[in-house]
Amino acid sequence: MNEPSNKPAPSLWQVTKSVFAAFLGVQSSKNYQRDFSYGKPSQYIIIGLIGVLLFILTIVSVVRIVLSIALK
């Protein structure tokens, strides 16, 4: 049987760290269990989408800078 839980849901900072660790593939099993036991999927989806968007914007910016330097 599932035991009633009195542990709080992960904070926004913990969710952000978990998503970043998942991006890098270095998520600890302790945090993985916490995320899947007590976290809300919507928080992870939103933070994940923001992370992907920031990653894409960073890559586009770096490519534009490199191309502007190379084409001078």
PDB file of N, CA and C in Angstrom:
ATOM      1  N   MET A   1       0.825  -1.180   0.000  1.00  0.00           N
ATOM      2  CA  MET A   1       0.000   0.000   0.000  1.00  0.00           C
ATOM      3  C   MET A   1       0.869   1.242   0.000  1.00  0.00           C
ATOM      4  N   ASN A   2       0.301   2.305  -0.555  1.00  0.00           N
ATOM      5  CA  ASN A   2       1.001   3.582  -0.543  1.00  0.00           C
ATOM      6  C   ASN A   2       0.847   4.236   0.813  1.00  0.00           C
ATOM      7  N   GLU A   3       1.960   4.688   1.332  1.00  0.00           N
ATOM      8  CA  GLU A   3       1.921   5.362   2.622  1.00  0.00           C
ATOM      9  C   GLU A   3       1.522   6.821   2.413  1.00  0.00           C
ATOM     10  N   PRO A   4       0.748   7.369   3.325  1.00  0.00           N
ATOM     11  CA  PRO A   4       0.442   8.785   3.192  1.00  0.00           C
ATOM     12  C   PRO A   4       1.717   9.610   3.316  1.00  0.00           C
ATOM     13  N   SER A   5       1.796  10.633   2.505  1.00  0.00           N
ATOM     14  CA  SER A   5       3.007  11.420   2.457  1.00  0.00           C
ATOM     15  C   SER A   5       2.819  12.736   3.190  1.00  0.00           C
ATOM     16  N   ASN A   6       3.800  13.092   3.989  1.00  0.00           N
ATOM     17  CA  ASN A   6       3.764  14.400   4.618  1.00  0.00           C
ATOM     18  C   ASN A   6       4.937  15.247   4.149  1.00  0.00           C
ATOM     19  N   LYS A   7       5.633  14.798   3.104  1.00  0.00           N
ATOM     20  CA  LYS A   7       6.728  15.568   2.542  1.00  0.00           C
ATOM     21  C   LYS A   7       6.159  16.653   1.632  1.00  0.00           C
ATOM     22  N   PRO A   8       6.762  17.832   1.675  1.00  0.00           N
ATOM     23  CA  PRO A   8       6.261  18.914   0.819  1.00  0.00           C
ATOM     24  C   PRO A   8       6.674  18.697  -0.637  1.00  0.00           C
ATOM     25  N   ALA A   9       5.927  19.307  -1.534  1.00  0.00           N
ATOM     26  CA  ALA A   9       6.278  19.264  -2.955  1.00  0.00           C
ATOM     27  C   ALA A   9       7.594  20.011  -3.156  1.00  0.00           C
ATOM     28  N   PRO A  10       8.348  19.645  -4.172  1.00  0.00           N
ATOM     29  CA  PRO A  10       9.613  20.342  -4.428  1.00  0.00           C
ATOM     30  C   PRO A  10       9.378  21.825  -4.714  1.00  0.00           C
ATOM     31  N   SER A  11      10.315  22.653  -4.274  1.00  0.00           N
ATOM     32  CA  SER A  11      10.218  24.095  -4.528  1.00  0.00           C
ATOM     33  C   SER A  11      10.539  24.376  -5.995  1.00  0.00           C
ATOM     34  N   LEU A  12      10.272  25.598  -6.413  1.00  0.00           N
ATOM     35  CA  LEU A  12      10.562  25.988  -7.795  1.00  0.00           C
ATOM     36  C   LEU A  12      12.057  25.849  -8.086  1.00  0.00           C
ATOM     37  N   TRP A  13      12.889  26.196  -7.115  1.00  0.00           N
ATOM     38  CA  TRP A  13      14.337  26.069  -7.296  1.00  0.00           C
ATOM     39  C   TRP A  13      14.736  24.592  -7.444  1.00  0.00           C
ATOM     40  N   GLN A  14      14.149  23.714  -6.660  1.00  0.00           N
ATOM     41  CA  GLN A  14      14.448  22.283  -6.759  1.00  0.00           C
ATOM     42  C   GLN A  14      13.987  21.728  -8.111  1.00  0.00           C
ATOM     43  N   VAL A  15      12.842  22.189  -8.584  1.00  0.00           N
ATOM     44  CA  VAL A  15      12.344  21.756  -9.895  1.00  0.00           C
ATOM     45  C   VAL A  15      13.305  22.216 -10.984  1.00  0.00           C
ATOM     46  N   THR A  16      13.748  23.468 -10.903  1.00  0.00           N
ATOM     47  CA  THR A  16      14.677  24.004 -11.898  1.00  0.00           C
ATOM     48  C   THR A  16      15.991  23.216 -11.898  1.00  0.00           C
ATOM     49  N   LYS A  17      16.521  22.934 -10.711  1.00  0.00           N
ATOM     50  CA  LYS A  17      17.761  22.151 -10.627  1.00  0.00           C
ATOM     51  C   LYS A  17      17.563  20.749 -11.182  1.00  0.00           C
ATOM     52  N   SER A  18      16.422  20.135 -10.925  1.00  0.00           N
ATOM     53  CA  SER A  18      16.146  18.791 -11.418  1.00  0.00           C
ATOM     54  C   SER A  18      16.053  18.766 -12.939  1.00  0.00           C
ATOM     55  N   VAL A  19      15.396  19.782 -13.509  1.00  0.00           N
ATOM     56  CA  VAL A  19      15.273  19.848 -14.969  1.00  0.00           C
ATOM     57  C   VAL A  19      16.645  20.062 -15.594  1.00  0.00           C
ATOM     58  N   PHE A  20      17.451  20.959 -15.016  1.00  0.00           N
ATOM     59  CA  PHE A  20      18.794  21.204 -15.539  1.00  0.00           C
ATOM     60  C   PHE A  20      19.653  19.938 -15.448  1.00  0.00           C
ATOM     61  N   ALA A  21      19.557  19.227 -14.327  1.00  0.00           N
ATOM     62  CA  ALA A  21      20.312  17.980 -14.171  1.00  0.00           C
ATOM     63  C   ALA A  21      19.841  16.941 -15.189  1.00  0.00           C
ATOM     64  N   ALA A  22      18.542  16.913 -15.461  1.00  0.00           N
ATOM     65  CA  ALA A  22      18.018  15.973 -16.452  1.00  0.00           C
ATOM     66  C   ALA A  22      18.516  16.323 -17.854  1.00  0.00           C
ATOM     67  N   PHE A  23      18.614  17.624 -18.166  1.00  0.00           N
ATOM     68  CA  PHE A  23      19.166  18.042 -19.454  1.00  0.00           C
ATOM     69  C   PHE A  23      20.576  17.506 -19.627  1.00  0.00           C
ATOM     70  N   LEU A  24      21.352  17.542 -18.537  1.00  0.00           N
ATOM     71  CA  LEU A  24      22.735  17.083 -18.593  1.00  0.00           C
ATOM     72  C   LEU A  24      22.872  15.573 -18.397  1.00  0.00           C
ATOM     73  N   GLY A  25      21.805  14.936 -17.948  1.00  0.00           N
ATOM     74  CA  GLY A  25      21.838  13.490 -17.734  1.00  0.00           C
ATOM     75  C   GLY A  25      22.530  13.074 -16.458  1.00  0.00           C
ATOM     76  N   VAL A  26      22.519  13.932 -15.444  1.00  0.00           N
ATOM     77  CA  VAL A  26      23.219  13.629 -14.198  1.00  0.00           C
ATOM     78  C   VAL A  26      22.292  13.672 -12.991  1.00  0.00           C
ATOM     79  N   GLN A  27      21.028  13.414 -13.187  1.00  0.00           N
ATOM     80  CA  GLN A  27      20.043  13.446 -12.105  1.00  0.00           C
ATOM     81  C   GLN A  27      20.323  12.320 -11.104  1.00  0.00           C
ATOM     82  N   SER A  28      20.356  12.654  -9.831  1.00  0.00           N
ATOM     83  CA  SER A  28      20.565  11.632  -8.807  1.00  0.00           C
ATOM     84  C   SER A  28      19.285  10.820  -8.629  1.00  0.00           C
ATOM     85  N   SER A  29      19.429   9.588  -8.198  1.00  0.00           N
ATOM     86  CA  SER A  29      18.254   8.736  -8.038  1.00  0.00           C
ATOM     87  C   SER A  29      17.375   9.232  -6.895  1.00  0.00           C
ATOM     88  N   LYS A  30      17.977   9.842  -5.877  1.00  0.00           N
ATOM     89  CA  LYS A  30      17.201  10.399  -4.761  1.00  0.00           C
ATOM     90  C   LYS A  30      16.275  11.514  -5.267  1.00  0.00           C
ATOM     91  N   ASN A  31      16.823  12.431  -6.059  1.00  0.00           N
ATOM     92  CA  ASN A  31      16.012  13.519  -6.600  1.00  0.00           C
ATOM     93  C   ASN A  31      14.995  12.999  -7.610  1.00  0.00           C
ATOM     94  N   TYR A  32      15.385  12.005  -8.373  1.00  0.00           N
ATOM     95  CA  TYR A  32      14.470  11.389  -9.340  1.00  0.00           C
ATOM     96  C   TYR A  32      13.245  10.830  -8.625  1.00  0.00           C
ATOM     97  N   GLN A  33      13.466  10.120  -7.540  1.00  0.00           N
ATOM     98  CA  GLN A  33      12.356   9.563  -6.765  1.00  0.00           C
ATOM     99  C   GLN A  33      11.487  10.677  -6.169  1.00  0.00           C
ATOM    100  N   ARG A  34      12.123  11.716  -5.641  1.00  0.00           N
ATOM    101  CA  ARG A  34      11.378  12.846  -5.085  1.00  0.00           C
ATOM    102  C   ARG A  34      10.514  13.513  -6.162  1.00  0.00           C
ATOM    103  N   ASP A  35      11.100  13.708  -7.338  1.00  0.00           N
ATOM    104  CA  ASP A  35      10.377  14.378  -8.418  1.00  0.00           C
ATOM    105  C   ASP A  35       9.146  13.594  -8.846  1.00  0.00           C
ATOM    106  N   PHE A  36       9.298  12.289  -8.978  1.00  0.00           N
ATOM    107  CA  PHE A  36       8.186  11.481  -9.449  1.00  0.00           C
ATOM    108  C   PHE A  36       7.179  11.157  -8.351  1.00  0.00           C
ATOM    109  N   SER A  37       7.584  11.286  -7.108  1.00  0.00           N
ATOM    110  CA  SER A  37       6.662  10.997  -6.008  1.00  0.00           C
ATOM    111  C   SER A  37       5.872  12.220  -5.572  1.00  0.00           C
ATOM    112  N   TYR A  38       6.509  13.382  -5.542  1.00  0.00           N
ATOM    113  CA  TYR A  38       5.885  14.548  -4.935  1.00  0.00           C
ATOM    114  C   TYR A  38       5.721  15.735  -5.875  1.00  0.00           C
ATOM    115  N   GLY A  39       6.371  15.706  -7.029  1.00  0.00           N
ATOM    116  CA  GLY A  39       6.318  16.852  -7.933  1.00  0.00           C
ATOM    117  C   GLY A  39       5.083  16.862  -8.813  1.00  0.00           C
ATOM    118  N   LYS A  40       4.755  18.046  -9.305  1.00  0.00           N
ATOM    119  CA  LYS A  40       3.650  18.214 -10.242  1.00  0.00           C
ATOM    120  C   LYS A  40       4.218  18.215 -11.658  1.00  0.00           C
ATOM    121  N   PRO A  41       3.691  17.374 -12.551  1.00  0.00           N
ATOM    122  CA  PRO A  41       4.224  17.316 -13.918  1.00  0.00           C
ATOM    123  C   PRO A  41       4.190  18.660 -14.637  1.00  0.00           C
ATOM    124  N   SER A  42       3.181  19.462 -14.384  1.00  0.00           N
ATOM    125  CA  SER A  42       3.069  20.749 -15.083  1.00  0.00           C
ATOM    126  C   SER A  42       4.268  21.650 -14.792  1.00  0.00           C
ATOM    127  N   GLN A  43       4.770  21.614 -13.557  1.00  0.00           N
ATOM    128  CA  GLN A  43       5.939  22.427 -13.220  1.00  0.00           C
ATOM    129  C   GLN A  43       7.156  22.002 -14.041  1.00  0.00           C
ATOM    130  N   TYR A  44       7.370  20.714 -14.161  1.00  0.00           N
ATOM    131  CA  TYR A  44       8.525  20.207 -14.888  1.00  0.00           C
ATOM    132  C   TYR A  44       8.398  20.491 -16.383  1.00  0.00           C
ATOM    133  N   ILE A  45       7.192  20.396 -16.906  1.00  0.00           N
ATOM    134  CA  ILE A  45       6.977  20.671 -18.333  1.00  0.00           C
ATOM    135  C   ILE A  45       7.250  22.142 -18.638  1.00  0.00           C
ATOM    136  N   ILE A  46       6.723  23.033 -17.811  1.00  0.00           N
ATOM    137  CA  ILE A  46       6.916  24.468 -18.050  1.00  0.00           C
ATOM    138  C   ILE A  46       8.384  24.850 -17.922  1.00  0.00           C
ATOM    139  N   ILE A  47       9.037  24.402 -16.862  1.00  0.00           N
ATOM    140  CA  ILE A  47      10.467  24.711 -16.675  1.00  0.00           C
ATOM    141  C   ILE A  47      11.288  24.090 -17.803  1.00  0.00           C
ATOM    142  N   GLY A  48      10.938  22.880 -18.233  1.00  0.00           N
ATOM    143  CA  GLY A  48      11.637  22.234 -19.347  1.00  0.00           C
ATOM    144  C   GLY A  48      11.496  23.011 -20.637  1.00  0.00           C
ATOM    145  N   LEU A  49      10.293  23.494 -20.930  1.00  0.00           N
ATOM    146  CA  LEU A  49      10.083  24.284 -22.148  1.00  0.00           C
ATOM    147  C   LEU A  49      10.856  25.601 -22.101  1.00  0.00           C
ATOM    148  N   ILE A  50      10.883  26.230 -20.933  1.00  0.00           N
ATOM    149  CA  ILE A  50      11.673  27.461 -20.779  1.00  0.00           C
ATOM    150  C   ILE A  50      13.153  27.160 -20.995  1.00  0.00           C
ATOM    151  N   GLY A  51      13.639  26.041 -20.439  1.00  0.00           N
ATOM    152  CA  GLY A  51      15.032  25.656 -20.617  1.00  0.00           C
ATOM    153  C   GLY A  51      15.385  25.393 -22.066  1.00  0.00           C
ATOM    154  N   VAL A  52      14.507  24.714 -22.787  1.00  0.00           N
ATOM    155  CA  VAL A  52      14.742  24.438 -24.211  1.00  0.00           C
ATOM    156  C   VAL A  52      14.757  25.744 -24.994  1.00  0.00           C
ATOM    157  N   LEU A  53      13.828  26.635 -24.705  1.00  0.00           N
ATOM    158  CA  LEU A  53      13.773  27.927 -25.385  1.00  0.00           C
ATOM    159  C   LEU A  53      15.062  28.723 -25.145  1.00  0.00           C
ATOM    160  N   LEU A  54      15.534  28.758 -23.894  1.00  0.00           N
ATOM    161  CA  LEU A  54      16.788  29.459 -23.590  1.00  0.00           C
ATOM    162  C   LEU A  54      17.975  28.822 -24.313  1.00  0.00           C
ATOM    163  N   PHE A  55      17.978  27.499 -24.385  1.00  0.00           N
ATOM    164  CA  PHE A  55      19.058  26.796 -25.094  1.00  0.00           C
ATOM    165  C   PHE A  55      19.063  27.167 -26.573  1.00  0.00           C
ATOM    166  N   ILE A  56      17.891  27.155 -27.203  1.00  0.00           N
ATOM    167  CA  ILE A  56      17.793  27.488 -28.629  1.00  0.00           C
ATOM    168  C   ILE A  56      18.209  28.935 -28.871  1.00  0.00           C
ATOM    169  N   LEU A  57      17.743  29.858 -28.026  1.00  0.00           N
ATOM    170  CA  LEU A  57      18.128  31.261 -28.184  1.00  0.00           C
ATOM    171  C   LEU A  57      19.637  31.463 -28.011  1.00  0.00           C
ATOM    172  N   THR A  58      20.237  30.718 -27.105  1.00  0.00           N
ATOM    173  CA  THR A  58      21.686  30.799 -26.920  1.00  0.00           C
ATOM    174  C   THR A  58      22.429  30.316 -28.159  1.00  0.00           C
ATOM    175  N   ILE A  59      21.999  29.180 -28.708  1.00  0.00           N
ATOM    176  CA  ILE A  59      22.653  28.646 -29.914  1.00  0.00           C
ATOM    177  C   ILE A  59      22.504  29.614 -31.077  1.00  0.00           C
ATOM    178  N   VAL A  60      21.297  30.155 -31.279  1.00  0.00           N
ATOM    179  CA  VAL A  60      21.071  31.113 -32.372  1.00  0.00           C
ATOM    180  C   VAL A  60      21.950  32.344 -32.190  1.00  0.00           C
ATOM    181  N   SER A  61      22.060  32.848 -30.971  1.00  0.00           N
ATOM    182  CA  SER A  61      22.887  34.029 -30.703  1.00  0.00           C
ATOM    183  C   SER A  61      24.360  33.753 -30.987  1.00  0.00           C
ATOM    184  N   VAL A  62      24.854  32.613 -30.553  1.00  0.00           N
ATOM    185  CA  VAL A  62      26.256  32.265 -30.797  1.00  0.00           C
ATOM    186  C   VAL A  62      26.520  32.140 -32.292  1.00  0.00           C
ATOM    187  N   VAL A  63      25.626  31.512 -33.026  1.00  0.00           N
ATOM    188  CA  VAL A  63      25.808  31.357 -34.473  1.00  0.00           C
ATOM    189  C   VAL A  63      25.797  32.719 -35.156  1.00  0.00           C
ATOM    190  N   ARG A  64      24.894  33.608 -34.760  1.00  0.00           N
ATOM    191  CA  ARG A  64      24.858  34.945 -35.358  1.00  0.00           C
ATOM    192  C   ARG A  64      26.142  35.718 -35.078  1.00  0.00           C
ATOM    193  N   ILE A  65      26.649  35.624 -33.869  1.00  0.00           N
ATOM    194  CA  ILE A  65      27.894  36.321 -33.528  1.00  0.00           C
ATOM    195  C   ILE A  65      29.046  35.774 -34.351  1.00  0.00           C
ATOM    196  N   VAL A  66      29.143  34.457 -34.434  1.00  0.00           N
ATOM    197  CA  VAL A  66      30.237  33.841 -35.199  1.00  0.00           C
ATOM    198  C   VAL A  66      30.130  34.211 -36.679  1.00  0.00           C
ATOM    199  N   LEU A  67      28.925  34.178 -37.231  1.00  0.00           N
ATOM    200  CA  LEU A  67      28.765  34.530 -38.645  1.00  0.00           C
ATOM    201  C   LEU A  67      29.067  36.005 -38.899  1.00  0.00           C
ATOM    202  N   SER A  68      28.683  36.875 -37.980  1.00  0.00           N
ATOM    203  CA  SER A  68      28.965  38.291 -38.176  1.00  0.00           C
ATOM    204  C   SER A  68      30.472  38.556 -38.137  1.00  0.00           C
ATOM    205  N   ILE A  69      31.183  37.830 -37.311  1.00  0.00           N
ATOM    206  CA  ILE A  69      32.645  37.984 -37.249  1.00  0.00           C
ATOM    207  C   ILE A  69      33.289  37.383 -38.495  1.00  0.00           C
ATOM    208  N   ALA A  70      32.799  36.223 -38.924  1.00  0.00           N
ATOM    209  CA  ALA A  70      33.398  35.526 -40.064  1.00  0.00           C
ATOM    210  C   ALA A  70      33.130  36.243 -41.385  1.00  0.00           C
ATOM    211  N   LEU A  71      32.045  36.966 -41.513  1.00  0.00           N
ATOM    212  CA  LEU A  71      31.683  37.604 -42.773  1.00  0.00           C
ATOM    213  C   LEU A  71      32.226  39.008 -42.917  1.00  0.00           C
ATOM    214  N   LYS A  72      32.984  39.491 -41.930  1.00  0.00           N
ATOM    215  CA  LYS A  72      33.580  40.829 -42.022  1.00  0.00           C
ATOM    216  C   LYS A  72      34.803  40.820 -42.885  1.00  0.00           C
TER     217      LYS A  72
END
